[in-house]
């Protein structure tokens, strides 16, 4: 029957008894499936991670400036990776770096929640903040 119609005989369910087959244009079926997969992939949300870098002795004005950028990033729905970078011997100011990041987390409490508390990795102290869901 498939040959008469110029179509393909496609096995749908091989485990059924008897096996289920369907007469269709196989190339068209593959094309439609690829199109569906592409549409699903386009709808999937992409996580954007924005970074903000501080020094252990970041001044108040610089802090406020960077905090405004962080607010904007979180409002736009991006995750925020805030880190304090320790150069040379400034690693002795670990506590100052941690205080700075915790202060940032407290200031951004209404825009996002802390995903990972400040953690020292090499010369960086990193903290992640995820945006709160828009209501």
C-alpha atoms as a PDB file:
ATOM      1  CA  UNK A   1       0.000   0.000   0.000  1.00  0.00           C
ATOM      2  CA  UNK A   2       2.848   2.403   0.871  1.00  0.00           C
ATOM      3  CA  UNK A   3       4.583   1.766  -2.468  1.00  0.00           C
ATOM      4  CA  UNK A   4       1.360   2.417  -4.367  1.00  0.00           C
ATOM      5  CA  UNK A   5       0.968   5.805  -2.667  1.00  0.00           C
ATOM      6  CA  UNK A   6       4.675   6.655  -3.024  1.00  0.00           C
ATOM      7  CA  UNK A   7       5.097   6.952   0.757  1.00  0.00           C
ATOM      8  CA  UNK A   8       7.083   5.124   3.459  1.00  0.00           C
ATOM      9  CA  UNK A   9       5.941   2.433   5.899  1.00  0.00           C
ATOM     10  CA  UNK A  10       7.174   3.583   9.338  1.00  0.00           C
ATOM     11  CA  UNK A  11       7.171   1.338  12.405  1.00  0.00           C
ATOM     12  CA  UNK A  12       5.664   3.361  15.275  1.00  0.00           C
ATOM     13  CA  UNK A  13       5.628   0.852  18.147  1.00  0.00           C
ATOM     14  CA  UNK A  14       7.825  -2.226  17.609  1.00  0.00           C
ATOM     15  CA  UNK A  15       7.069  -3.744  21.053  1.00  0.00           C
ATOM     16  CA  UNK A  16       3.290  -3.916  20.529  1.00  0.00           C
ATOM     17  CA  UNK A  17       1.664  -7.161  19.480  1.00  0.00           C
ATOM     18  CA  UNK A  18       1.225  -6.921  16.475  1.00  0.00           C
ATOM     19  CA  UNK A  19       3.772  -4.119  15.743  1.00  0.00           C
ATOM     20  CA  UNK A  20       2.122  -0.777  14.876  1.00  0.00           C
ATOM     21  CA  UNK A  21       3.054   0.766  11.525  1.00  0.00           C
ATOM     22  CA  UNK A  22       1.943   3.916   9.756  1.00  0.00           C
ATOM     23  CA  UNK A  23       2.059   5.022   6.134  1.00  0.00           C
ATOM     24  CA  UNK A  24       3.643   8.508   5.914  1.00  0.00           C
ATOM     25  CA  UNK A  25       6.301  10.602   4.225  1.00  0.00           C
ATOM     26  CA  UNK A  26       9.287   9.873   6.479  1.00  0.00           C
ATOM     27  CA  UNK A  27      11.408  12.861   5.323  1.00  0.00           C
ATOM     28  CA  UNK A  28       8.488  15.205   6.052  1.00  0.00           C
ATOM     29  CA  UNK A  29       8.029  13.563   9.476  1.00  0.00           C
ATOM     30  CA  UNK A  30      11.717  14.132  10.340  1.00  0.00           C
ATOM     31  CA  UNK A  31      11.477  17.745   9.157  1.00  0.00           C
ATOM     32  CA  UNK A  32       8.387  18.408  11.324  1.00  0.00           C
ATOM     33  CA  UNK A  33      10.071  16.787  14.345  1.00  0.00           C
ATOM     34  CA  UNK A  34      13.203  18.907  13.889  1.00  0.00           C
ATOM     35  CA  UNK A  35      11.027  22.028  13.633  1.00  0.00           C
ATOM     36  CA  UNK A  36       9.210  21.105  16.871  1.00  0.00           C
ATOM     37  CA  UNK A  37      12.486  20.503  18.717  1.00  0.00           C
ATOM     38  CA  UNK A  38      13.846  23.848  17.528  1.00  0.00           C
ATOM     39  CA  UNK A  39      10.707  25.673  18.733  1.00  0.00           C
ATOM     40  CA  UNK A  40      10.968  24.030  22.181  1.00  0.00           C
ATOM     41  CA  UNK A  41      14.642  24.946  22.396  1.00  0.00           C
ATOM     42  CA  UNK A  42      13.872  28.588  21.548  1.00  0.00           C
ATOM     43  CA  UNK A  43      11.304  28.778  24.368  1.00  0.00           C
ATOM     44  CA  UNK A  44      13.780  27.441  26.944  1.00  0.00           C
ATOM     45  CA  UNK A  45      15.083  30.179  29.236  1.00  0.00           C
ATOM     46  CA  UNK A  46      18.765  30.962  29.108  1.00  0.00           C
ATOM     47  CA  UNK A  47      20.451  31.846  32.385  1.00  0.00           C
ATOM     48  CA  UNK A  48      22.576  34.979  32.083  1.00  0.00           C
ATOM     49  CA  UNK A  49      25.280  35.500  34.699  1.00  0.00           C
ATOM     50  CA  UNK A  50      26.534  39.061  35.204  1.00  0.00           C
ATOM     51  CA  UNK A  51      29.687  39.754  37.206  1.00  0.00           C
ATOM     52  CA  UNK A  52      30.535  42.610  39.535  1.00  0.00           C
ATOM     53  CA  UNK A  53      34.060  42.940  40.847  1.00  0.00           C
ATOM     54  CA  UNK A  54      35.130  44.663  44.028  1.00  0.00           C
ATOM     55  CA  UNK A  55      38.439  45.257  45.746  1.00  0.00           C
ATOM     56  CA  UNK A  56      38.785  44.648  49.494  1.00  0.00           C
ATOM     57  CA  UNK A  57      38.962  48.426  50.122  1.00  0.00           C
ATOM     58  CA  UNK A  58      36.223  49.542  47.718  1.00  0.00           C
ATOM     59  CA  UNK A  59      35.111  53.092  48.538  1.00  0.00           C
ATOM     60  CA  UNK A  60      31.479  53.973  49.384  1.00  0.00           C
ATOM     61  CA  UNK A  61      30.851  55.853  46.133  1.00  0.00           C
ATOM     62  CA  UNK A  62      32.214  52.981  44.017  1.00  0.00           C
ATOM     63  CA  UNK A  63      30.192  50.518  46.070  1.00  0.00           C
ATOM     64  CA  UNK A  64      26.948  52.479  45.512  1.00  0.00           C
ATOM     65  CA  UNK A  65      27.687  52.756  41.781  1.00  0.00           C
ATOM     66  CA  UNK A  66      28.233  49.008  41.456  1.00  0.00           C
ATOM     67  CA  UNK A  67      25.211  48.275  43.651  1.00  0.00           C
ATOM     68  CA  UNK A  68      22.995  50.222  41.200  1.00  0.00           C
ATOM     69  CA  UNK A  69      24.309  48.072  38.348  1.00  0.00           C
ATOM     70  CA  UNK A  70      23.657  44.936  40.399  1.00  0.00           C
ATOM     71  CA  UNK A  71      20.049  46.053  41.011  1.00  0.00           C
ATOM     72  CA  UNK A  72      19.572  46.579  37.284  1.00  0.00           C
ATOM     73  CA  UNK A  73      20.985  43.129  36.471  1.00  0.00           C
ATOM     74  CA  UNK A  74      18.695  41.439  39.002  1.00  0.00           C
ATOM     75  CA  UNK A  75      15.655  43.380  37.758  1.00  0.00           C
ATOM     76  CA  UNK A  76      16.455  42.213  34.216  1.00  0.00           C
ATOM     77  CA  UNK A  77      16.379  38.618  35.507  1.00  0.00           C
ATOM     78  CA  UNK A  78      20.095  37.823  35.308  1.00  0.00           C
ATOM     79  CA  UNK A  79      22.000  36.000  38.036  1.00  0.00           C
ATOM     80  CA  UNK A  80      24.678  38.026  39.749  1.00  0.00           C
ATOM     81  CA  UNK A  81      28.183  36.854  40.531  1.00  0.00           C
ATOM     82  CA  UNK A  82      29.750  39.337  42.924  1.00  0.00           C
ATOM     83  CA  UNK A  83      33.373  38.838  43.855  1.00  0.00           C
ATOM     84  CA  UNK A  84      36.132  40.547  45.744  1.00  0.00           C
ATOM     85  CA  UNK A  85      39.508  40.203  44.044  1.00  0.00           C
ATOM     86  CA  UNK A  86      42.542  40.149  46.326  1.00  0.00           C
ATOM     87  CA  UNK A  87      45.783  41.374  44.738  1.00  0.00           C
ATOM     88  CA  UNK A  88      49.160  40.579  46.195  1.00  0.00           C
ATOM     89  CA  UNK A  89      49.216  40.949  49.969  1.00  0.00           C
ATOM     90  CA  UNK A  90      45.657  42.293  50.203  1.00  0.00           C
ATOM     91  CA  UNK A  91      44.632  38.681  50.971  1.00  0.00           C
ATOM     92  CA  UNK A  92      45.096  39.629  54.650  1.00  0.00           C
ATOM     93  CA  UNK A  93      41.835  41.644  54.351  1.00  0.00           C
ATOM     94  CA  UNK A  94      39.618  38.554  53.897  1.00  0.00           C
ATOM     95  CA  UNK A  95      37.233  39.779  56.582  1.00  0.00           C
ATOM     96  CA  UNK A  96      36.768  43.145  54.833  1.00  0.00           C
ATOM     97  CA  UNK A  97      35.946  41.336  51.588  1.00  0.00           C
ATOM     98  CA  UNK A  98      33.397  39.123  53.306  1.00  0.00           C
ATOM     99  CA  UNK A  99      31.803  42.105  55.073  1.00  0.00           C
ATOM    100  CA  UNK A 100      31.559  43.909  51.715  1.00  0.00           C
ATOM    101  CA  UNK A 101      29.802  40.974  50.029  1.00  0.00           C
ATOM    102  CA  UNK A 102      27.421  40.429  52.951  1.00  0.00           C
ATOM    103  CA  UNK A 103      26.581  44.143  52.900  1.00  0.00           C
ATOM    104  CA  UNK A 104      25.814  43.854  49.180  1.00  0.00           C
ATOM    105  CA  UNK A 105      23.584  40.825  49.835  1.00  0.00           C
ATOM    106  CA  UNK A 106      21.707  42.754  52.518  1.00  0.00           C
ATOM    107  CA  UNK A 107      21.258  45.810  50.259  1.00  0.00           C
ATOM    108  CA  UNK A 108      19.970  43.665  47.372  1.00  0.00           C
ATOM    109  CA  UNK A 109      17.658  41.580  49.569  1.00  0.00           C
ATOM    110  CA  UNK A 110      14.481  42.914  47.932  1.00  0.00           C
ATOM    111  CA  UNK A 111      15.743  42.214  44.372  1.00  0.00           C
ATOM    112  CA  UNK A 112      17.313  38.787  44.811  1.00  0.00           C
ATOM    113  CA  UNK A 113      18.235  36.040  47.229  1.00  0.00           C
ATOM    114  CA  UNK A 114      21.701  34.720  48.020  1.00  0.00           C
ATOM    115  CA  UNK A 115      22.307  31.450  46.227  1.00  0.00           C
ATOM    116  CA  UNK A 116      25.811  30.877  47.569  1.00  0.00           C
ATOM    117  CA  UNK A 117      27.321  32.634  50.580  1.00  0.00           C
ATOM    118  CA  UNK A 118      30.752  34.293  50.184  1.00  0.00           C
ATOM    119  CA  UNK A 119      33.399  31.621  49.656  1.00  0.00           C
ATOM    120  CA  UNK A 120      37.121  32.093  49.127  1.00  0.00           C
ATOM    121  CA  UNK A 121      38.472  30.459  45.958  1.00  0.00           C
ATOM    122  CA  UNK A 122      42.133  31.240  45.408  1.00  0.00           C
ATOM    123  CA  UNK A 123      42.492  35.030  45.228  1.00  0.00           C
ATOM    124  CA  UNK A 124      38.744  35.630  44.866  1.00  0.00           C
ATOM    125  CA  UNK A 125      35.879  35.618  47.336  1.00  0.00           C
ATOM    126  CA  UNK A 126      32.754  34.761  45.340  1.00  0.00           C
ATOM    127  CA  UNK A 127      29.035  35.078  46.092  1.00  0.00           C
ATOM    128  CA  UNK A 128      26.055  34.285  43.823  1.00  0.00           C
ATOM    129  CA  UNK A 129      22.707  36.106  43.976  1.00  0.00           C
ATOM    130  CA  UNK A 130      19.673  34.841  42.048  1.00  0.00           C
ATOM    131  CA  UNK A 131      16.875  37.233  41.061  1.00  0.00           C
ATOM    132  CA  UNK A 132      13.535  36.992  42.826  1.00  0.00           C
ATOM    133  CA  UNK A 133      10.682  35.901  40.587  1.00  0.00           C
ATOM    134  CA  UNK A 134       8.629  38.777  39.152  1.00  0.00           C
ATOM    135  CA  UNK A 135       5.097  38.801  40.519  1.00  0.00           C
END
